Amino acid sequence: DIAFERAFGSEPLMGTFDNRLMSQAFGNIIKNAAEAIEGAEFQDGEKGVIRIQACREGNMIRVDVVDNGKGLPRENRQRLLEPYMTTREKGTGLGLAIVKKIIEDHGGRLELHDAPQDFHQGRGAMITMVLPAANAPEAGPVSQKETEKVGNGV
């Protein structure tokens, strides 16, 4: 019962990434968004929404995964990126730490935000992944070994 929305624009967003690792990172972020929605209380007729939006900002690609779930804690929010830190009963606390490592190994950064006001009145969370675009000075595979596995495009 979750609606998925996407906003990718018309410009191709090209980068050099390890497909397996990036699939793991995106899968984890989307799974977290779905679990946040499962843990939220909705008014009659309201349903969970996950929006994935991507655009190019200079030499970087910005990907936002926004949900209208229960949101992120305001206090010590950045600690969620540390290994074994979790706010869930069944969580291991490794998911966001792994995603952060994957994104950083690709020359990017991971950011934790509240959902923007224009998305369900700011209810929920927004996880932002900023990655180097192709032809950007920071772009490139993590290692020579991974070059064989690298794919282009987001």
C-alpha atoms as a PDB file:
ATOM      1  CA  ASP A   1       0.000   0.000   0.000  1.00  0.00           C
ATOM      2  CA  ILE A   2       2.836   2.380  -0.784  1.00  0.00           C
ATOM      3  CA  ALA A   3       2.698   4.706  -3.779  1.00  0.00           C
ATOM      4  CA  PHE A   4       6.006   5.277  -5.548  1.00  0.00           C
ATOM      5  CA  GLU A   5       6.682   8.553  -7.324  1.00  0.00           C
ATOM      6  CA  ARG A   6       9.694   9.467  -9.391  1.00  0.00           C
ATOM      7  CA  ALA A   7      11.095  12.687 -10.772  1.00  0.00           C
ATOM      8  CA  PHE A   8      14.249  12.206 -12.816  1.00  0.00           C
ATOM      9  CA  GLY A   9      13.982  15.112 -15.249  1.00  0.00           C
ATOM     10  CA  SER A  10      14.879  14.818 -18.906  1.00  0.00           C
ATOM     11  CA  GLU A  11      18.686  15.026 -18.685  1.00  0.00           C
ATOM     12  CA  PRO A  12      20.510  11.672 -18.608  1.00  0.00           C
ATOM     13  CA  LEU A  13      22.364  11.301 -15.302  1.00  0.00           C
ATOM     14  CA  MET A  14      25.574   9.439 -15.994  1.00  0.00           C
ATOM     15  CA  GLY A  15      28.176   8.285 -13.516  1.00  0.00           C
ATOM     16  CA  THR A  16      30.605   5.436 -12.965  1.00  0.00           C
ATOM     17  CA  PHE A  17      29.414   3.100 -10.222  1.00  0.00           C
ATOM     18  CA  ASP A  18      29.696  -0.459  -9.013  1.00  0.00           C
ATOM     19  CA  ASN A  19      26.243  -1.791  -9.926  1.00  0.00           C
ATOM     20  CA  ARG A  20      26.075  -4.339  -7.119  1.00  0.00           C
ATOM     21  CA  LEU A  21      27.098  -1.927  -4.389  1.00  0.00           C
ATOM     22  CA  MET A  22      24.848   0.885  -5.614  1.00  0.00           C
ATOM     23  CA  SER A  23      21.920  -1.540  -5.879  1.00  0.00           C
ATOM     24  CA  GLN A  24      22.574  -2.519  -2.270  1.00  0.00           C
ATOM     25  CA  ALA A  25      22.687   1.144  -1.188  1.00  0.00           C
ATOM     26  CA  PHE A  26      19.500   2.165  -3.005  1.00  0.00           C
ATOM     27  CA  GLY A  27      17.708  -1.001  -1.926  1.00  0.00           C
ATOM     28  CA  ASN A  28      18.577  -0.341   1.705  1.00  0.00           C
ATOM     29  CA  ILE A  29      17.407   3.284   1.588  1.00  0.00           C
ATOM     30  CA  ILE A  30      14.109   2.328  -0.057  1.00  0.00           C
ATOM     31  CA  LYS A  31      13.605  -0.538   2.424  1.00  0.00           C
ATOM     32  CA  ASN A  32      14.170   1.894   5.296  1.00  0.00           C
ATOM     33  CA  ALA A  33      11.609   4.282   3.790  1.00  0.00           C
ATOM     34  CA  ALA A  34       9.047   1.475   3.482  1.00  0.00           C
ATOM     35  CA  GLU A  35       9.647   0.407   7.097  1.00  0.00           C
ATOM     36  CA  ALA A  36       9.251   4.026   8.268  1.00  0.00           C
ATOM     37  CA  ILE A  37       5.894   4.141   6.506  1.00  0.00           C
ATOM     38  CA  GLU A  38       4.842   0.827   8.104  1.00  0.00           C
ATOM     39  CA  GLY A  39       5.611   2.335  11.520  1.00  0.00           C
ATOM     40  CA  ALA A  40       3.644   5.543  10.888  1.00  0.00           C
ATOM     41  CA  GLU A  41       0.034   6.284  11.687  1.00  0.00           C
ATOM     42  CA  PHE A  42      -2.072   7.658   8.834  1.00  0.00           C
ATOM     43  CA  GLN A  43      -5.437   9.414   8.773  1.00  0.00           C
ATOM     44  CA  ASP A  44      -8.317   7.794   6.891  1.00  0.00           C
ATOM     45  CA  GLY A  45      -7.624   7.633   3.184  1.00  0.00           C
ATOM     46  CA  GLU A  46      -3.999   8.700   3.554  1.00  0.00           C
ATOM     47  CA  LYS A  47      -1.349   6.286   2.332  1.00  0.00           C
ATOM     48  CA  GLY A  48       2.385   5.933   2.334  1.00  0.00           C
ATOM     49  CA  VAL A  49       4.404   7.569  -0.425  1.00  0.00           C
ATOM     50  CA  ILE A  50       8.043   7.169  -1.433  1.00  0.00           C
ATOM     51  CA  ARG A  51       9.377   9.675  -3.953  1.00  0.00           C
ATOM     52  CA  ILE A  52      12.707   9.166  -5.676  1.00  0.00           C
ATOM     53  CA  GLN A  53      14.030  12.266  -7.399  1.00  0.00           C
ATOM     54  CA  ALA A  54      17.335  12.824  -9.118  1.00  0.00           C
ATOM     55  CA  CYS A  55      19.036  15.728 -10.825  1.00  0.00           C
ATOM     56  CA  ARG A  56      22.454  17.001 -11.768  1.00  0.00           C
ATOM     57  CA  GLU A  57      23.966  19.785  -9.667  1.00  0.00           C
ATOM     58  CA  GLY A  58      27.198  20.955 -11.272  1.00  0.00           C
ATOM     59  CA  ASN A  59      29.612  18.011 -11.321  1.00  0.00           C
ATOM     60  CA  MET A  60      27.428  15.957  -8.988  1.00  0.00           C
ATOM     61  CA  ILE A  61      24.285  13.852  -9.198  1.00  0.00           C
ATOM     62  CA  ARG A  62      21.834  14.362  -6.355  1.00  0.00           C
ATOM     63  CA  VAL A  63      19.381  11.570  -5.542  1.00  0.00           C
ATOM     64  CA  ASP A  64      16.710  12.134  -2.880  1.00  0.00           C
ATOM     65  CA  VAL A  65      14.588   9.350  -1.430  1.00  0.00           C
ATOM     66  CA  VAL A  66      11.697  10.988   0.404  1.00  0.00           C
ATOM     67  CA  ASP A  67       9.012   9.215   2.420  1.00  0.00           C
ATOM     68  CA  ASN A  68       6.017  10.307   4.493  1.00  0.00           C
ATOM     69  CA  GLY A  69       6.729   7.817   7.279  1.00  0.00           C
ATOM     70  CA  LYS A  70       7.568   8.449  10.898  1.00  0.00           C
ATOM     71  CA  GLY A  71      10.677  10.494  10.091  1.00  0.00           C
ATOM     72  CA  LEU A  72      14.130  10.612  11.651  1.00  0.00           C
ATOM     73  CA  PRO A  73      14.955  11.620  15.204  1.00  0.00           C
ATOM     74  CA  ARG A  74      16.058  15.248  15.462  1.00  0.00           C
ATOM     75  CA  GLU A  75      18.476  14.611  18.312  1.00  0.00           C
ATOM     76  CA  ASN A  76      21.720  12.805  17.427  1.00  0.00           C
ATOM     77  CA  ARG A  77      20.465  12.181  13.880  1.00  0.00           C
ATOM     78  CA  GLN A  78      23.980  11.806  12.463  1.00  0.00           C
ATOM     79  CA  ARG A  79      24.616   8.925  14.870  1.00  0.00           C
ATOM     80  CA  LEU A  80      22.282   6.838  12.685  1.00  0.00           C
ATOM     81  CA  LEU A  81      25.189   6.648  10.233  1.00  0.00           C
ATOM     82  CA  GLU A  82      27.382   4.898  12.820  1.00  0.00           C
ATOM     83  CA  PRO A  83      27.623   1.093  12.893  1.00  0.00           C
ATOM     84  CA  TYR A  84      25.245  -0.649  15.321  1.00  0.00           C
ATOM     85  CA  MET A  85      23.221   2.515  15.960  1.00  0.00           C
ATOM     86  CA  THR A  86      19.496   1.925  15.462  1.00  0.00           C
ATOM     87  CA  THR A  87      16.160   3.240  16.669  1.00  0.00           C
ATOM     88  CA  ARG A  88      14.303   0.056  15.648  1.00  0.00           C
ATOM     89  CA  GLU A  89      13.599  -2.978  17.787  1.00  0.00           C
ATOM     90  CA  LYS A  90      14.613  -5.439  15.080  1.00  0.00           C
ATOM     91  CA  GLY A  91      17.297  -3.356  13.356  1.00  0.00           C
ATOM     92  CA  THR A  92      21.000  -4.199  13.419  1.00  0.00           C
ATOM     93  CA  GLY A  93      22.123  -0.611  12.931  1.00  0.00           C
ATOM     94  CA  LEU A  94      24.293  -1.535   9.974  1.00  0.00           C
ATOM     95  CA  GLY A  95      22.115  -0.442   7.036  1.00  0.00           C
ATOM     96  CA  LEU A  96      22.835   3.281   6.936  1.00  0.00           C
ATOM     97  CA  ALA A  97      26.470   2.766   7.954  1.00  0.00           C
ATOM     98  CA  ILE A  98      26.928   0.442   4.966  1.00  0.00           C
ATOM     99  CA  VAL A  99      25.140   2.863   2.635  1.00  0.00           C
ATOM    100  CA  LYS A 100      27.336   5.732   3.875  1.00  0.00           C
ATOM    101  CA  LYS A 101      30.492   3.669   3.209  1.00  0.00           C
ATOM    102  CA  ILE A 102      29.320   2.713  -0.297  1.00  0.00           C
ATOM    103  CA  ILE A 103      28.469   6.309  -1.197  1.00  0.00           C
ATOM    104  CA  GLU A 104      31.761   7.642   0.230  1.00  0.00           C
ATOM    105  CA  ASP A 105      33.749   4.931  -1.599  1.00  0.00           C
ATOM    106  CA  HIS A 106      32.190   6.287  -4.807  1.00  0.00           C
ATOM    107  CA  GLY A 107      33.356   9.828  -3.996  1.00  0.00           C
ATOM    108  CA  GLY A 108      30.004  11.015  -2.668  1.00  0.00           C
ATOM    109  CA  ARG A 109      28.255  11.848   0.568  1.00  0.00           C
ATOM    110  CA  LEU A 110      25.092  10.769   2.390  1.00  0.00           C
ATOM    111  CA  GLU A 111      22.814  13.291   4.104  1.00  0.00           C
ATOM    112  CA  LEU A 112      19.865  12.803   6.475  1.00  0.00           C
ATOM    113  CA  HIS A 113      17.068  15.392   6.380  1.00  0.00           C
ATOM    114  CA  ASP A 114      13.433  15.915   7.268  1.00  0.00           C
ATOM    115  CA  ALA A 115      11.060  15.673   4.321  1.00  0.00           C
ATOM    116  CA  PRO A 116      10.634  19.052   2.604  1.00  0.00           C
ATOM    117  CA  GLN A 117       7.543  21.117   3.475  1.00  0.00           C
ATOM    118  CA  ASP A 118       6.096  20.681  -0.023  1.00  0.00           C
ATOM    119  CA  PHE A 119       5.999  16.884   0.452  1.00  0.00           C
ATOM    120  CA  HIS A 120       3.081  15.858   2.699  1.00  0.00           C
ATOM    121  CA  GLN A 121       3.519  18.993   4.835  1.00  0.00           C
ATOM    122  CA  GLY A 122       7.085  17.993   5.734  1.00  0.00           C
ATOM    123  CA  ARG A 123       6.097  14.675   7.274  1.00  0.00           C
ATOM    124  CA  GLY A 124       8.750  11.976   7.017  1.00  0.00           C
ATOM    125  CA  ALA A 125      12.392  11.820   6.018  1.00  0.00           C
ATOM    126  CA  MET A 126      14.606  12.597   3.061  1.00  0.00           C
ATOM    127  CA  ILE A 127      17.832  10.715   2.465  1.00  0.00           C
ATOM    128  CA  THR A 128      20.111  12.471  -0.002  1.00  0.00           C
ATOM    129  CA  MET A 129      22.913  10.759  -1.879  1.00  0.00           C
ATOM    130  CA  VAL A 130      25.294  13.075  -3.717  1.00  0.00           C
ATOM    131  CA  LEU A 131      27.574  11.306  -6.190  1.00  0.00           C
ATOM    132  CA  PRO A 132      30.101  12.441  -8.803  1.00  0.00           C
ATOM    133  CA  ALA A 133      28.699  12.683 -12.314  1.00  0.00           C
ATOM    134  CA  ALA A 134      30.603  11.228 -15.261  1.00  0.00           C
ATOM    135  CA  ASN A 135      33.361  13.516 -16.508  1.00  0.00           C
ATOM    136  CA  ALA A 136      33.568  15.155 -13.080  1.00  0.00           C
ATOM    137  CA  PRO A 137      37.079  15.249 -11.563  1.00  0.00           C
ATOM    138  CA  GLU A 138      35.893  13.143  -8.594  1.00  0.00           C
ATOM    139  CA  ALA A 139      34.264  10.488 -10.779  1.00  0.00           C
ATOM    140  CA  GLY A 140      35.769   7.074 -11.136  1.00  0.00           C
ATOM    141  CA  PRO A 141      35.564   3.540  -9.852  1.00  0.00           C
ATOM    142  CA  VAL A 142      36.612   2.678  -6.334  1.00  0.00           C
ATOM    143  CA  SER A 143      39.394   0.373  -7.506  1.00  0.00           C
ATOM    144  CA  GLN A 144      40.831  -1.157 -10.660  1.00  0.00           C
ATOM    145  CA  LYS A 145      39.230  -4.513  -9.786  1.00  0.00           C
ATOM    146  CA  GLU A 146      35.783  -2.913  -9.694  1.00  0.00           C
ATOM    147  CA  THR A 147      36.275  -1.307 -13.115  1.00  0.00           C
ATOM    148  CA  GLU A 148      35.129  -4.570 -14.695  1.00  0.00           C
ATOM    149  CA  LYS A 149      31.851  -4.402 -12.785  1.00  0.00           C
ATOM    150  CA  VAL A 150      31.157  -0.694 -13.265  1.00  0.00           C
ATOM    151  CA  GLY A 151      27.998   0.441 -15.030  1.00  0.00           C
ATOM    152  CA  ASN A 152      26.863   3.845 -16.185  1.00  0.00           C
ATOM    153  CA  GLY A 153      23.668   5.670 -15.440  1.00  0.00           C
ATOM    154  CA  VAL A 154      21.387   6.165 -12.473  1.00  0.00           C
END
